[in-house]
Amino acid sequence: MEGPTPISALIHVATIVVAGIFLVAHILPLLIVIPYIMNLISLIGIIIVLLGATLACPKIY
């Protein structure tokens, strides 16, 4: 199966970014009321970033 063209890939990425912004806008009142949720989201993001950076390191034999 062929991959997406660069233009359609940009459209998909832009759509995902807009969806994320709308999601954050809709749950913002919840985040303001319960600040611990923001800490949980940040912790999950840090774990994902560290895992991705670890997996991107080359293997050294």
C-alpha atoms as a PDB file:
ATOM      1  CA  MET A   1       0.000   0.000   0.000  1.00  0.00           C
ATOM      2  CA  GLU A   2       1.298   3.425  -0.875  1.00  0.00           C
ATOM      3  CA  GLY A   3       2.039   6.029   1.737  1.00  0.00           C
ATOM      4  CA  PRO A   4       0.341   9.413   1.937  1.00  0.00           C
ATOM      5  CA  THR A   5       1.516  12.267  -0.240  1.00  0.00           C
ATOM      6  CA  PRO A   6       3.309  15.108   1.560  1.00  0.00           C
ATOM      7  CA  ILE A   7       0.317  17.422   1.169  1.00  0.00           C
ATOM      8  CA  SER A   8      -2.183  14.931   2.597  1.00  0.00           C
ATOM      9  CA  ALA A   9       0.230  14.152   5.433  1.00  0.00           C
ATOM     10  CA  LEU A  10       0.373  17.868   6.315  1.00  0.00           C
ATOM     11  CA  ILE A  11      -3.417  18.067   6.253  1.00  0.00           C
ATOM     12  CA  HIS A  12      -3.680  15.089   8.616  1.00  0.00           C
ATOM     13  CA  VAL A  13      -1.102  16.571  10.998  1.00  0.00           C
ATOM     14  CA  ALA A  14      -2.885  19.941  11.000  1.00  0.00           C
ATOM     15  CA  THR A  15      -6.181  18.200  11.754  1.00  0.00           C
ATOM     16  CA  ILE A  16      -4.641  16.311  14.672  1.00  0.00           C
ATOM     17  CA  VAL A  17      -3.116  19.522  16.083  1.00  0.00           C
ATOM     18  CA  VAL A  18      -6.469  21.327  15.890  1.00  0.00           C
ATOM     19  CA  ALA A  19      -8.195  18.377  17.567  1.00  0.00           C
ATOM     20  CA  GLY A  20      -5.650  18.503  20.395  1.00  0.00           C
ATOM     21  CA  ILE A  21      -6.179  22.226  20.877  1.00  0.00           C
ATOM     22  CA  PHE A  22      -9.947  21.748  21.057  1.00  0.00           C
ATOM     23  CA  LEU A  23      -9.499  18.898  23.542  1.00  0.00           C
ATOM     24  CA  VAL A  24      -7.359  21.066  25.815  1.00  0.00           C
ATOM     25  CA  ALA A  25      -9.839  23.940  25.485  1.00  0.00           C
ATOM     26  CA  HIS A  26     -12.726  21.696  26.494  1.00  0.00           C
ATOM     27  CA  ILE A  27     -11.030  20.165  29.536  1.00  0.00           C
ATOM     28  CA  LEU A  28      -9.403  23.419  30.711  1.00  0.00           C
ATOM     29  CA  PRO A  29     -12.068  24.084  33.387  1.00  0.00           C
ATOM     30  CA  LEU A  30     -11.415  20.611  34.799  1.00  0.00           C
ATOM     31  CA  LEU A  31      -7.665  21.256  34.790  1.00  0.00           C
ATOM     32  CA  ILE A  32      -8.138  24.531  36.650  1.00  0.00           C
ATOM     33  CA  VAL A  33     -10.356  22.954  39.314  1.00  0.00           C
ATOM     34  CA  ILE A  34      -8.158  19.880  39.817  1.00  0.00           C
ATOM     35  CA  PRO A  35      -4.495  20.892  39.327  1.00  0.00           C
ATOM     36  CA  TYR A  36      -3.294  17.373  40.158  1.00  0.00           C
ATOM     37  CA  ILE A  37      -4.543  16.245  36.735  1.00  0.00           C
ATOM     38  CA  MET A  38      -2.064  18.645  35.117  1.00  0.00           C
ATOM     39  CA  ASN A  39       0.728  17.004  37.101  1.00  0.00           C
ATOM     40  CA  LEU A  40      -0.428  13.559  35.986  1.00  0.00           C
ATOM     41  CA  ILE A  41      -0.516  14.618  32.341  1.00  0.00           C
ATOM     42  CA  SER A  42       2.958  16.143  32.682  1.00  0.00           C
ATOM     43  CA  LEU A  43       4.293  12.966  34.292  1.00  0.00           C
ATOM     44  CA  ILE A  44       2.905  10.816  31.471  1.00  0.00           C
ATOM     45  CA  GLY A  45       4.457  13.190  28.916  1.00  0.00           C
ATOM     46  CA  ILE A  46       7.859  13.055  30.634  1.00  0.00           C
ATOM     47  CA  ILE A  47       7.773   9.246  30.686  1.00  0.00           C
ATOM     48  CA  ILE A  48       6.902   9.114  26.980  1.00  0.00           C
ATOM     49  CA  VAL A  49       9.646  11.595  26.057  1.00  0.00           C
ATOM     50  CA  LEU A  50      12.270   9.687  28.047  1.00  0.00           C
ATOM     51  CA  LEU A  51      11.151   6.375  26.579  1.00  0.00           C
ATOM     52  CA  GLY A  52      11.308   7.794  23.057  1.00  0.00           C
ATOM     53  CA  ALA A  53      14.757   9.268  23.632  1.00  0.00           C
ATOM     54  CA  THR A  54      15.975   5.986  25.061  1.00  0.00           C
ATOM     55  CA  LEU A  55      14.647   3.993  22.117  1.00  0.00           C
ATOM     56  CA  ALA A  56      16.240   6.452  19.684  1.00  0.00           C
ATOM     57  CA  CYS A  57      19.730   5.848  21.089  1.00  0.00           C
ATOM     58  CA  PRO A  58      21.820   3.472  18.986  1.00  0.00           C
ATOM     59  CA  LYS A  59      22.836   0.130  20.411  1.00  0.00           C
ATOM     60  CA  ILE A  60      26.456  -0.048  21.537  1.00  0.00           C
ATOM     61  CA  TYR A  61      28.015  -3.491  21.472  1.00  0.00           C
END
